[in-house]
Amino acid sequence: MRKIRDECDRKGFDYCQVEDDIYNYLIPGLRLNSGYEEVRQSLYQYINYSENISIQTLPIYFLEPNTCIEVCDEDSFINGNYIINSLSFSLDYSSSLSINASKLLERF
């Protein structure tokens, strides 16, 4: 231990001597980080703060579920990227398209 302290002094490194048990506490910390990542992922997937919208428009036949759309409507304060959950329309001459979408959350 003395040899290591002398080397740190020569090279100008700061050092601190701790008990050997400290290394036993470092290993669980590495495993617990994966738990933290799991919580972050669950928050991202399951908390959406009920930001769902429904839009009525003329049929847009190339849209499909799981497609990302950008919505900007200043009158209703809707702004951002949304992912389409479902579409419904009829095939007659006066049909309209109904889009149900939920807000695409940004990762934190």
PDB file of N, CA and C in Angstrom:
ATOM      1  N   MET A   1       0.834  -1.188   0.000  1.00  0.00           N
ATOM      2  CA  MET A   1       0.000   0.000   0.000  1.00  0.00           C
ATOM      3  C   MET A   1       0.879   1.253   0.000  1.00  0.00           C
ATOM      4  N   ARG A   2       1.970   1.162   0.724  1.00  0.00           N
ATOM      5  CA  ARG A   2       2.888   2.306   0.793  1.00  0.00           C
ATOM      6  C   ARG A   2       3.459   2.628  -0.583  1.00  0.00           C
ATOM      7  N   LYS A   3       3.766   1.592  -1.343  1.00  0.00           N
ATOM      8  CA  LYS A   3       4.328   1.775  -2.676  1.00  0.00           C
ATOM      9  C   LYS A   3       3.335   2.510  -3.586  1.00  0.00           C
ATOM     10  N   ILE A   4       2.076   2.175  -3.486  1.00  0.00           N
ATOM     11  CA  ILE A   4       1.049   2.830  -4.315  1.00  0.00           C
ATOM     12  C   ILE A   4       0.895   4.292  -3.910  1.00  0.00           C
ATOM     13  N   ARG A   5       0.931   4.578  -2.596  1.00  0.00           N
ATOM     14  CA  ARG A   5       0.819   5.977  -2.145  1.00  0.00           C
ATOM     15  C   ARG A   5       2.004   6.801  -2.611  1.00  0.00           C
ATOM     16  N   ASP A   6       3.216   6.215  -2.578  1.00  0.00           N
ATOM     17  CA  ASP A   6       4.411   6.934  -3.058  1.00  0.00           C
ATOM     18  C   ASP A   6       4.301   7.235  -4.553  1.00  0.00           C
ATOM     19  N   GLU A   7       3.780   6.281  -5.310  1.00  0.00           N
ATOM     20  CA  GLU A   7       3.620   6.497  -6.750  1.00  0.00           C
ATOM     21  C   GLU A   7       2.621   7.616  -7.023  1.00  0.00           C
ATOM     22  N   CYS A   8       1.501   7.656  -6.269  1.00  0.00           N
ATOM     23  CA  CYS A   8       0.510   8.728  -6.429  1.00  0.00           C
ATOM     24  C   CYS A   8       1.119  10.089  -6.084  1.00  0.00           C
ATOM     25  N   ASP A   9       1.931  10.136  -5.043  1.00  0.00           N
ATOM     26  CA  ASP A   9       2.602  11.389  -4.667  1.00  0.00           C
ATOM     27  C   ASP A   9       3.537  11.858  -5.768  1.00  0.00           C
ATOM     28  N   ARG A  10       4.307  10.936  -6.350  1.00  0.00           N
ATOM     29  CA  ARG A  10       5.249  11.302  -7.412  1.00  0.00           C
ATOM     30  C   ARG A  10       4.536  11.841  -8.645  1.00  0.00           C
ATOM     31  N   LYS A  11       3.402  11.242  -8.992  1.00  0.00           N
ATOM     32  CA  LYS A  11       2.685  11.643 -10.196  1.00  0.00           C
ATOM     33  C   LYS A  11       1.729  12.801  -9.945  1.00  0.00           C
ATOM     34  N   GLY A  12       1.550  13.197  -8.699  1.00  0.00           N
ATOM     35  CA  GLY A  12       0.686  14.313  -8.381  1.00  0.00           C
ATOM     36  C   GLY A  12      -0.793  13.957  -8.341  1.00  0.00           C
ATOM     37  N   PHE A  13      -1.102  12.676  -8.154  1.00  0.00           N
ATOM     38  CA  PHE A  13      -2.494  12.234  -8.087  1.00  0.00           C
ATOM     39  C   PHE A  13      -3.021  12.388  -6.669  1.00  0.00           C
ATOM     40  N   ASP A  14      -4.299  12.731  -6.567  1.00  0.00           N
ATOM     41  CA  ASP A  14      -4.965  12.706  -5.264  1.00  0.00           C
ATOM     42  C   ASP A  14      -5.358  11.268  -4.962  1.00  0.00           C
ATOM     43  N   TYR A  15      -5.328  10.906  -3.717  1.00  0.00           N
ATOM     44  CA  TYR A  15      -5.730   9.561  -3.342  1.00  0.00           C
ATOM     45  C   TYR A  15      -6.424   9.588  -1.996  1.00  0.00           C
ATOM     46  N   CYS A  16      -7.160   8.522  -1.755  1.00  0.00           N
ATOM     47  CA  CYS A  16      -7.864   8.352  -0.490  1.00  0.00           C
ATOM     48  C   CYS A  16      -7.834   6.872  -0.158  1.00  0.00           C
ATOM     49  N   GLN A  17      -7.472   6.565   1.029  1.00  0.00           N
ATOM     50  CA  GLN A  17      -7.405   5.171   1.430  1.00  0.00           C
ATOM     51  C   GLN A  17      -8.708   4.792   2.136  1.00  0.00           C
ATOM     52  N   VAL A  18      -9.322   3.713   1.669  1.00  0.00           N
ATOM     53  CA  VAL A  18     -10.580   3.242   2.241  1.00  0.00           C
ATOM     54  C   VAL A  18     -10.430   1.785   2.637  1.00  0.00           C
ATOM     55  N   GLU A  19     -11.413   1.289   3.382  1.00  0.00           N
ATOM     56  CA  GLU A  19     -11.378  -0.106   3.795  1.00  0.00           C
ATOM     57  C   GLU A  19     -11.636  -1.012   2.591  1.00  0.00           C
ATOM     58  N   ASP A  20     -11.198  -2.244   2.695  1.00  0.00           N
ATOM     59  CA  ASP A  20     -11.376  -3.193   1.596  1.00  0.00           C
ATOM     60  C   ASP A  20     -12.836  -3.529   1.338  1.00  0.00           C
ATOM     61  N   ASP A  21     -13.702  -3.387   2.324  1.00  0.00           N
ATOM     62  CA  ASP A  21     -15.117  -3.726   2.160  1.00  0.00           C
ATOM     63  C   ASP A  21     -15.830  -2.836   1.145  1.00  0.00           C
ATOM     64  N   ILE A  22     -15.273  -1.677   0.849  1.00  0.00           N
ATOM     65  CA  ILE A  22     -15.933  -0.767  -0.086  1.00  0.00           C
ATOM     66  C   ILE A  22     -16.116  -1.407  -1.462  1.00  0.00           C
ATOM     67  N   TYR A  23     -15.208  -2.279  -1.867  1.00  0.00           N
ATOM     68  CA  TYR A  23     -15.307  -2.922  -3.174  1.00  0.00           C
ATOM     69  C   TYR A  23     -16.470  -3.908  -3.233  1.00  0.00           C
ATOM     70  N   ASN A  24     -16.852  -4.474  -2.097  1.00  0.00           N
ATOM     71  CA  ASN A  24     -18.001  -5.372  -2.067  1.00  0.00           C
ATOM     72  C   ASN A  24     -19.296  -4.611  -2.323  1.00  0.00           C
ATOM     73  N   TYR A  25     -19.323  -3.323  -1.990  1.00  0.00           N
ATOM     74  CA  TYR A  25     -20.529  -2.523  -2.202  1.00  0.00           C
ATOM     75  C   TYR A  25     -20.620  -1.962  -3.627  1.00  0.00           C
ATOM     76  N   LEU A  26     -19.526  -1.950  -4.342  1.00  0.00           N
ATOM     77  CA  LEU A  26     -19.547  -1.419  -5.705  1.00  0.00           C
ATOM     78  C   LEU A  26     -20.212  -2.375  -6.692  1.00  0.00           C
ATOM     79  N   ILE A  27     -20.058  -3.664  -6.513  1.00  0.00           N
ATOM     80  CA  ILE A  27     -20.596  -4.647  -7.451  1.00  0.00           C
ATOM     81  C   ILE A  27     -22.122  -4.591  -7.506  1.00  0.00           C
ATOM     82  N   PRO A  28     -22.876  -4.560  -6.375  1.00  0.00           N
ATOM     83  CA  PRO A  28     -24.336  -4.457  -6.503  1.00  0.00           C
ATOM     84  C   PRO A  28     -24.767  -3.166  -7.187  1.00  0.00           C
ATOM     85  N   GLY A  29     -24.000  -2.101  -7.061  1.00  0.00           N
ATOM     86  CA  GLY A  29     -24.360  -0.854  -7.720  1.00  0.00           C
ATOM     87  C   GLY A  29     -24.423  -1.002  -9.220  1.00  0.00           C
ATOM     88  N   LEU A  30     -23.589  -1.849  -9.785  1.00  0.00           N
ATOM     89  CA  LEU A  30     -23.609  -2.071 -11.227  1.00  0.00           C
ATOM     90  C   LEU A  30     -24.872  -2.815 -11.645  1.00  0.00           C
ATOM     91  N   ARG A  31     -25.322  -3.744 -10.820  1.00  0.00           N
ATOM     92  CA  ARG A  31     -26.540  -4.471 -11.146  1.00  0.00           C
ATOM     93  C   ARG A  31     -27.777  -3.613 -10.931  1.00  0.00           C
ATOM     94  N   LEU A  32     -27.748  -2.716  -9.956  1.00  0.00           N
ATOM     95  CA  LEU A  32     -28.906  -1.881  -9.675  1.00  0.00           C
ATOM     96  C   LEU A  32     -29.153  -0.852 -10.767  1.00  0.00           C
ATOM     97  N   ASN A  33     -28.124  -0.508 -11.517  1.00  0.00           N
ATOM     98  CA  ASN A  33     -28.320   0.438 -12.612  1.00  0.00           C
ATOM     99  C   ASN A  33     -29.272  -0.119 -13.657  1.00  0.00           C
ATOM    100  N   SER A  34     -29.278  -1.427 -13.864  1.00  0.00           N
ATOM    101  CA  SER A  34     -30.209  -1.996 -14.832  1.00  0.00           C
ATOM    102  C   SER A  34     -31.644  -1.865 -14.321  1.00  0.00           C
ATOM    103  N   GLY A  35     -31.860  -1.900 -13.005  1.00  0.00           N
ATOM    104  CA  GLY A  35     -33.186  -1.656 -12.445  1.00  0.00           C
ATOM    105  C   GLY A  35     -33.647  -0.238 -12.730  1.00  0.00           C
ATOM    106  N   TYR A  36     -32.724   0.706 -12.629  1.00  0.00           N
ATOM    107  CA  TYR A  36     -33.027   2.104 -12.937  1.00  0.00           C
ATOM    108  C   TYR A  36     -33.438   2.254 -14.399  1.00  0.00           C
ATOM    109  N   GLU A  37     -32.724   1.583 -15.271  1.00  0.00           N
ATOM    110  CA  GLU A  37     -33.065   1.637 -16.693  1.00  0.00           C
ATOM    111  C   GLU A  37     -34.441   1.030 -16.949  1.00  0.00           C
ATOM    112  N   GLU A  38     -34.786  -0.027 -16.219  1.00  0.00           N
ATOM    113  CA  GLU A  38     -36.094  -0.659 -16.381  1.00  0.00           C
ATOM    114  C   GLU A  38     -37.219   0.278 -15.957  1.00  0.00           C
ATOM    115  N   VAL A  39     -37.026   1.019 -14.880  1.00  0.00           N
ATOM    116  CA  VAL A  39     -38.026   1.984 -14.422  1.00  0.00           C
ATOM    117  C   VAL A  39     -38.196   3.091 -15.453  1.00  0.00           C
ATOM    118  N   ARG A  40     -37.100   3.602 -15.987  1.00  0.00           N
ATOM    119  CA  ARG A  40     -37.189   4.638 -17.019  1.00  0.00           C
ATOM    120  C   ARG A  40     -37.960   4.147 -18.232  1.00  0.00           C
ATOM    121  N   GLN A  41     -37.689   2.914 -18.652  1.00  0.00           N
ATOM    122  CA  GLN A  41     -38.377   2.356 -19.814  1.00  0.00           C
ATOM    123  C   GLN A  41     -39.869   2.202 -19.542  1.00  0.00           C
ATOM    124  N   SER A  42     -40.234   1.750 -18.353  1.00  0.00           N
ATOM    125  CA  SER A  42     -41.650   1.585 -18.012  1.00  0.00           C
ATOM    126  C   SER A  42     -42.365   2.921 -17.963  1.00  0.00           C
ATOM    127  N   LEU A  43     -41.725   3.940 -17.409  1.00  0.00           N
ATOM    128  CA  LEU A  43     -42.330   5.272 -17.396  1.00  0.00           C
ATOM    129  C   LEU A  43     -42.566   5.772 -18.812  1.00  0.00           C
ATOM    130  N   TYR A  44     -41.624   5.545 -19.673  1.00  0.00           N
ATOM    131  CA  TYR A  44     -41.754   5.986 -21.065  1.00  0.00           C
ATOM    132  C   TYR A  44     -42.916   5.281 -21.761  1.00  0.00           C
ATOM    133  N   GLN A  45     -43.075   3.967 -21.506  1.00  0.00           N
ATOM    134  CA  GLN A  45     -44.082   3.202 -22.228  1.00  0.00           C
ATOM    135  C   GLN A  45     -45.493   3.408 -21.701  1.00  0.00           C
ATOM    136  N   TYR A  46     -45.669   3.529 -20.378  1.00  0.00           N
ATOM    137  CA  TYR A  46     -47.000   3.420 -19.813  1.00  0.00           C
ATOM    138  C   TYR A  46     -47.597   4.717 -19.287  1.00  0.00           C
ATOM    139  N   ILE A  47     -46.845   5.800 -19.251  1.00  0.00           N
ATOM    140  CA  ILE A  47     -47.406   7.074 -18.801  1.00  0.00           C
ATOM    141  C   ILE A  47     -47.567   7.966 -20.025  1.00  0.00           C
ATOM    142  N   ASN A  48     -48.800   8.224 -20.399  1.00  0.00           N
ATOM    143  CA  ASN A  48     -49.010   9.078 -21.561  1.00  0.00           C
ATOM    144  C   ASN A  48     -49.879  10.282 -21.224  1.00  0.00           C
ATOM    145  N   TYR A  49     -50.270  10.438 -19.968  1.00  0.00           N
ATOM    146  CA  TYR A  49     -51.034  11.591 -19.518  1.00  0.00           C
ATOM    147  C   TYR A  49     -52.283  11.833 -20.357  1.00  0.00           C
ATOM    148  N   SER A  50     -52.858  10.777 -20.905  1.00  0.00           N
ATOM    149  CA  SER A  50     -54.109  10.831 -21.676  1.00  0.00           C
ATOM    150  C   SER A  50     -54.044  11.826 -22.832  1.00  0.00           C
ATOM    151  N   GLU A  51     -52.963  11.875 -23.518  1.00  0.00           N
ATOM    152  CA  GLU A  51     -52.826  12.778 -24.656  1.00  0.00           C
ATOM    153  C   GLU A  51     -53.207  12.041 -25.937  1.00  0.00           C
ATOM    154  N   ASN A  52     -54.480  11.712 -26.035  1.00  0.00           N
ATOM    155  CA  ASN A  52     -55.019  11.071 -27.224  1.00  0.00           C
ATOM    156  C   ASN A  52     -55.889  12.076 -27.968  1.00  0.00           C
ATOM    157  N   ILE A  53     -55.867  11.990 -29.292  1.00  0.00           N
ATOM    158  CA  ILE A  53     -56.691  12.892 -30.098  1.00  0.00           C
ATOM    159  C   ILE A  53     -57.496  12.080 -31.098  1.00  0.00           C
ATOM    160  N   SER A  54     -58.567  12.671 -31.569  1.00  0.00           N
ATOM    161  CA  SER A  54     -59.386  12.090 -32.621  1.00  0.00           C
ATOM    162  C   SER A  54     -59.592  13.165 -33.689  1.00  0.00           C
ATOM    163  N   ILE A  55     -59.321  12.813 -34.931  1.00  0.00           N
ATOM    164  CA  ILE A  55     -59.385  13.771 -36.033  1.00  0.00           C
ATOM    165  C   ILE A  55     -60.354  13.245 -37.088  1.00  0.00           C
ATOM    166  N   GLN A  56     -61.210  14.116 -37.605  1.00  0.00           N
ATOM    167  CA  GLN A  56     -62.096  13.807 -38.731  1.00  0.00           C
ATOM    168  C   GLN A  56     -61.579  14.575 -39.939  1.00  0.00           C
ATOM    169  N   THR A  57     -61.344  13.885 -41.046  1.00  0.00           N
ATOM    170  CA  THR A  57     -60.805  14.529 -42.241  1.00  0.00           C
ATOM    171  C   THR A  57     -61.263  13.780 -43.495  1.00  0.00           C
ATOM    172  N   LEU A  58     -60.929  14.327 -44.634  1.00  0.00           N
ATOM    173  CA  LEU A  58     -61.147  13.603 -45.882  1.00  0.00           C
ATOM    174  C   LEU A  58     -60.257  12.368 -45.878  1.00  0.00           C
ATOM    175  N   PRO A  59     -60.676  11.312 -46.562  1.00  0.00           N
ATOM    176  CA  PRO A  59     -59.860  10.087 -46.544  1.00  0.00           C
ATOM    177  C   PRO A  59     -58.459  10.304 -47.115  1.00  0.00           C
ATOM    178  N   ILE A  60     -57.501   9.798 -46.393  1.00  0.00           N
ATOM    179  CA  ILE A  60     -56.105   9.770 -46.843  1.00  0.00           C
ATOM    180  C   ILE A  60     -55.733   8.298 -46.844  1.00  0.00           C
ATOM    181  N   TYR A  61     -55.763   7.684 -48.017  1.00  0.00           N
ATOM    182  CA  TYR A  61     -55.718   6.228 -48.109  1.00  0.00           C
ATOM    183  C   TYR A  61     -54.343   5.624 -47.844  1.00  0.00           C
ATOM    184  N   PHE A  62     -53.300   6.387 -47.876  1.00  0.00           N
ATOM    185  CA  PHE A  62     -51.978   5.814 -47.653  1.00  0.00           C
ATOM    186  C   PHE A  62     -51.594   5.770 -46.170  1.00  0.00           C
ATOM    187  N   LEU A  63     -52.409   6.346 -45.282  1.00  0.00           N
ATOM    188  CA  LEU A  63     -52.113   6.287 -43.854  1.00  0.00           C
ATOM    189  C   LEU A  63     -52.414   4.901 -43.304  1.00  0.00           C
ATOM    190  N   GLU A  64     -51.605   4.476 -42.351  1.00  0.00           N
ATOM    191  CA  GLU A  64     -51.776   3.182 -41.701  1.00  0.00           C
ATOM    192  C   GLU A  64     -51.570   3.351 -40.207  1.00  0.00           C
ATOM    193  N   PRO A  65     -52.091   2.423 -39.403  1.00  0.00           N
ATOM    194  CA  PRO A  65     -51.772   2.463 -37.969  1.00  0.00           C
ATOM    195  C   PRO A  65     -50.263   2.344 -37.753  1.00  0.00           C
ATOM    196  N   ASN A  66     -49.787   2.872 -36.647  1.00  0.00           N
ATOM    197  CA  ASN A  66     -48.370   2.916 -36.276  1.00  0.00           C
ATOM    198  C   ASN A  66     -47.560   3.829 -37.190  1.00  0.00           C
ATOM    199  N   THR A  67     -48.233   4.781 -37.811  1.00  0.00           N
ATOM    200  CA  THR A  67     -47.550   5.791 -38.612  1.00  0.00           C
ATOM    201  C   THR A  67     -47.479   7.075 -37.784  1.00  0.00           C
ATOM    202  N   CYS A  68     -46.353   7.740 -37.842  1.00  0.00           N
ATOM    203  CA  CYS A  68     -46.171   8.982 -37.096  1.00  0.00           C
ATOM    204  C   CYS A  68     -46.668  10.155 -37.948  1.00  0.00           C
ATOM    205  N   ILE A  69     -47.489  11.024 -37.330  1.00  0.00           N
ATOM    206  CA  ILE A  69     -47.975  12.222 -38.007  1.00  0.00           C
ATOM    207  C   ILE A  69     -47.672  13.433 -37.131  1.00  0.00           C
ATOM    208  N   GLU A  70     -47.530  14.576 -37.755  1.00  0.00           N
ATOM    209  CA  GLU A  70     -47.315  15.821 -37.015  1.00  0.00           C
ATOM    210  C   GLU A  70     -48.611  16.629 -37.073  1.00  0.00           C
ATOM    211  N   VAL A  71     -49.084  17.041 -35.908  1.00  0.00           N
ATOM    212  CA  VAL A  71     -50.336  17.787 -35.809  1.00  0.00           C
ATOM    213  C   VAL A  71     -50.042  19.152 -35.206  1.00  0.00           C
ATOM    214  N   CYS A  72     -50.573  20.195 -35.846  1.00  0.00           N
ATOM    215  CA  CYS A  72     -50.407  21.555 -35.336  1.00  0.00           C
ATOM    216  C   CYS A  72     -51.731  22.282 -35.502  1.00  0.00           C
ATOM    217  N   ASP A  73     -52.462  22.443 -34.394  1.00  0.00           N
ATOM    218  CA  ASP A  73     -53.746  23.138 -34.405  1.00  0.00           C
ATOM    219  C   ASP A  73     -53.740  24.135 -33.256  1.00  0.00           C
ATOM    220  N   GLU A  74     -53.530  25.396 -33.581  1.00  0.00           N
ATOM    221  CA  GLU A  74     -53.411  26.423 -32.545  1.00  0.00           C
ATOM    222  C   GLU A  74     -54.734  26.701 -31.837  1.00  0.00           C
ATOM    223  N   ASP A  75     -55.868  26.481 -32.517  1.00  0.00           N
ATOM    224  CA  ASP A  75     -57.172  26.739 -31.897  1.00  0.00           C
ATOM    225  C   ASP A  75     -57.447  25.798 -30.728  1.00  0.00           C
ATOM    226  N   SER A  76     -57.062  24.538 -30.867  1.00  0.00           N
ATOM    227  CA  SER A  76     -57.316  23.575 -29.798  1.00  0.00           C
ATOM    228  C   SER A  76     -56.054  23.261 -28.985  1.00  0.00           C
ATOM    229  N   PHE A  77     -54.974  23.996 -29.224  1.00  0.00           N
ATOM    230  CA  PHE A  77     -53.702  23.837 -28.497  1.00  0.00           C
ATOM    231  C   PHE A  77     -53.127  22.428 -28.639  1.00  0.00           C
ATOM    232  N   ILE A  78     -53.281  21.844 -29.802  1.00  0.00           N
ATOM    233  CA  ILE A  78     -52.694  20.530 -30.091  1.00  0.00           C
ATOM    234  C   ILE A  78     -51.488  20.763 -30.976  1.00  0.00           C
ATOM    235  N   ASN A  79     -50.348  20.301 -30.505  1.00  0.00           N
ATOM    236  CA  ASN A  79     -49.110  20.509 -31.247  1.00  0.00           C
ATOM    237  C   ASN A  79     -48.148  19.390 -30.900  1.00  0.00           C
ATOM    238  N   GLY A  80     -47.601  18.736 -31.908  1.00  0.00           N
ATOM    239  CA  GLY A  80     -46.596  17.718 -31.651  1.00  0.00           C
ATOM    240  C   GLY A  80     -46.720  16.537 -32.581  1.00  0.00           C
ATOM    241  N   ASN A  81     -45.913  15.534 -32.300  1.00  0.00           N
ATOM    242  CA  ASN A  81     -45.914  14.304 -33.084  1.00  0.00           C
ATOM    243  C   ASN A  81     -46.835  13.291 -32.418  1.00  0.00           C
ATOM    244  N   TYR A  82     -47.654  12.646 -33.225  1.00  0.00           N
ATOM    245  CA  TYR A  82     -48.616  11.657 -32.749  1.00  0.00           C
ATOM    246  C   TYR A  82     -48.455  10.376 -33.551  1.00  0.00           C
ATOM    247  N   ILE A  83     -48.743   9.256 -32.910  1.00  0.00           N
ATOM    248  CA  ILE A  83     -48.697   7.969 -33.588  1.00  0.00           C
ATOM    249  C   ILE A  83     -50.131   7.477 -33.751  1.00  0.00           C
ATOM    250  N   ILE A  84     -50.478   7.037 -34.944  1.00  0.00           N
ATOM    251  CA  ILE A  84     -51.846   6.625 -35.252  1.00  0.00           C
ATOM    252  C   ILE A  84     -52.126   5.275 -34.598  1.00  0.00           C
ATOM    253  N   ASN A  85     -53.198   5.222 -33.797  1.00  0.00           N
ATOM    254  CA  ASN A  85     -53.622   3.965 -33.172  1.00  0.00           C
ATOM    255  C   ASN A  85     -54.604   3.223 -34.067  1.00  0.00           C
ATOM    256  N   SER A  86     -55.586   3.952 -34.606  1.00  0.00           N
ATOM    257  CA  SER A  86     -56.585   3.301 -35.454  1.00  0.00           C
ATOM    258  C   SER A  86     -57.150   4.297 -36.463  1.00  0.00           C
ATOM    259  N   LEU A  87     -57.634   3.741 -37.564  1.00  0.00           N
ATOM    260  CA  LEU A  87     -58.265   4.506 -38.636  1.00  0.00           C
ATOM    261  C   LEU A  87     -59.605   3.859 -38.957  1.00  0.00           C
ATOM    262  N   SER A  88     -60.581   4.676 -39.310  1.00  0.00           N
ATOM    263  CA  SER A  88     -61.837   4.107 -39.792  1.00  0.00           C
ATOM    264  C   SER A  88     -62.435   5.033 -40.849  1.00  0.00           C
ATOM    265  N   PHE A  89     -62.938   4.418 -41.921  1.00  0.00           N
ATOM    266  CA  PHE A  89     -63.576   5.178 -42.989  1.00  0.00           C
ATOM    267  C   PHE A  89     -64.480   4.230 -43.777  1.00  0.00           C
ATOM    268  N   SER A  90     -65.403   4.805 -44.488  1.00  0.00           N
ATOM    269  CA  SER A  90     -66.272   4.014 -45.359  1.00  0.00           C
ATOM    270  C   SER A  90     -65.888   4.292 -46.806  1.00  0.00           C
ATOM    271  N   LEU A  91     -66.399   3.484 -47.705  1.00  0.00           N
ATOM    272  CA  LEU A  91     -66.002   3.607 -49.110  1.00  0.00           C
ATOM    273  C   LEU A  91     -67.106   4.202 -49.985  1.00  0.00           C
ATOM    274  N   ASP A  92     -67.923   5.088 -49.434  1.00  0.00           N
ATOM    275  CA  ASP A  92     -68.927   5.742 -50.272  1.00  0.00           C
ATOM    276  C   ASP A  92     -68.444   7.126 -50.696  1.00  0.00           C
ATOM    277  N   TYR A  93     -69.233   7.830 -51.488  1.00  0.00           N
ATOM    278  CA  TYR A  93     -68.802   9.105 -52.059  1.00  0.00           C
ATOM    279  C   TYR A  93     -68.693  10.227 -51.023  1.00  0.00           C
ATOM    280  N   SER A  94     -69.375  10.125 -49.895  1.00  0.00           N
ATOM    281  CA  SER A  94     -69.313  11.187 -48.886  1.00  0.00           C
ATOM    282  C   SER A  94     -68.582  10.712 -47.620  1.00  0.00           C
ATOM    283  N   SER A  95     -67.587   9.895 -47.793  1.00  0.00           N
ATOM    284  CA  SER A  95     -66.911   9.308 -46.635  1.00  0.00           C
ATOM    285  C   SER A  95     -65.949  10.301 -45.988  1.00  0.00           C
ATOM    286  N   SER A  96     -65.660  10.040 -44.742  1.00  0.00           N
ATOM    287  CA  SER A  96     -64.648  10.809 -44.023  1.00  0.00           C
ATOM    288  C   SER A  96     -63.768   9.829 -43.270  1.00  0.00           C
ATOM    289  N   LEU A  97     -62.590  10.273 -42.951  1.00  0.00           N
ATOM    290  CA  LEU A  97     -61.613   9.440 -42.258  1.00  0.00           C
ATOM    291  C   LEU A  97     -61.570   9.858 -40.797  1.00  0.00           C
ATOM    292  N   SER A  98     -61.642   8.898 -39.915  1.00  0.00           N
ATOM    293  CA  SER A  98     -61.521   9.157 -38.487  1.00  0.00           C
ATOM    294  C   SER A  98     -60.198   8.570 -38.009  1.00  0.00           C
ATOM    295  N   ILE A  99     -59.359   9.418 -37.414  1.00  0.00           N
ATOM    296  CA  ILE A  99     -58.037   9.004 -36.937  1.00  0.00           C
ATOM    297  C   ILE A  99     -58.003   9.131 -35.421  1.00  0.00           C
ATOM    298  N   ASN A 100     -57.623   8.067 -34.755  1.00  0.00           N
ATOM    299  CA  ASN A 100     -57.352   8.106 -33.312  1.00  0.00           C
ATOM    300  C   ASN A 100     -55.858   7.948 -33.124  1.00  0.00           C
ATOM    301  N   ALA A 101     -55.265   8.892 -32.411  1.00  0.00           N
ATOM    302  CA  ALA A 101     -53.808   8.881 -32.259  1.00  0.00           C
ATOM    303  C   ALA A 101     -53.427   9.265 -30.838  1.00  0.00           C
ATOM    304  N   SER A 102     -52.244   8.832 -30.422  1.00  0.00           N
ATOM    305  CA  SER A 102     -51.716   9.226 -29.113  1.00  0.00           C
ATOM    306  C   SER A 102     -50.379   9.916 -29.288  1.00  0.00           C
ATOM    307  N   LYS A 103     -50.094  10.802 -28.362  1.00  0.00           N
ATOM    308  CA  LYS A 103     -48.891  11.629 -28.457  1.00  0.00           C
ATOM    309  C   LYS A 103     -47.654  10.769 -28.351  1.00  0.00           C
ATOM    310  N   LEU A 104     -46.722  11.055 -29.212  1.00  0.00           N
ATOM    311  CA  LEU A 104     -45.445  10.371 -29.196  1.00  0.00           C
ATOM    312  C   LEU A 104     -44.566  11.059 -28.172  1.00  0.00           C
ATOM    313  N   LEU A 105     -44.240  10.366 -27.097  1.00  0.00           N
ATOM    314  CA  LEU A 105     -43.485  10.956 -26.010  1.00  0.00           C
ATOM    315  C   LEU A 105     -42.008  10.990 -26.331  1.00  0.00           C
ATOM    316  N   GLU A 106     -41.346  12.037 -25.881  1.00  0.00           N
ATOM    317  CA  GLU A 106     -39.911  12.107 -26.043  1.00  0.00           C
ATOM    318  C   GLU A 106     -39.238  11.359 -24.910  1.00  0.00           C
ATOM    319  N   ARG A 107     -38.152  10.695 -25.221  1.00  0.00           N
ATOM    320  CA  ARG A 107     -37.410   9.965 -24.203  1.00  0.00           C
ATOM    321  C   ARG A 107     -36.646  10.942 -23.339  1.00  0.00           C
ATOM    322  N   PHE A 108     -36.590  10.630 -22.050  1.00  0.00           N
ATOM    323  CA  PHE A 108     -35.827  11.487 -21.140  1.00  0.00           C
ATOM    324  C   PHE A 108     -34.653  10.739 -20.612  1.00  0.00           C
TER     325      PHE A 108
END
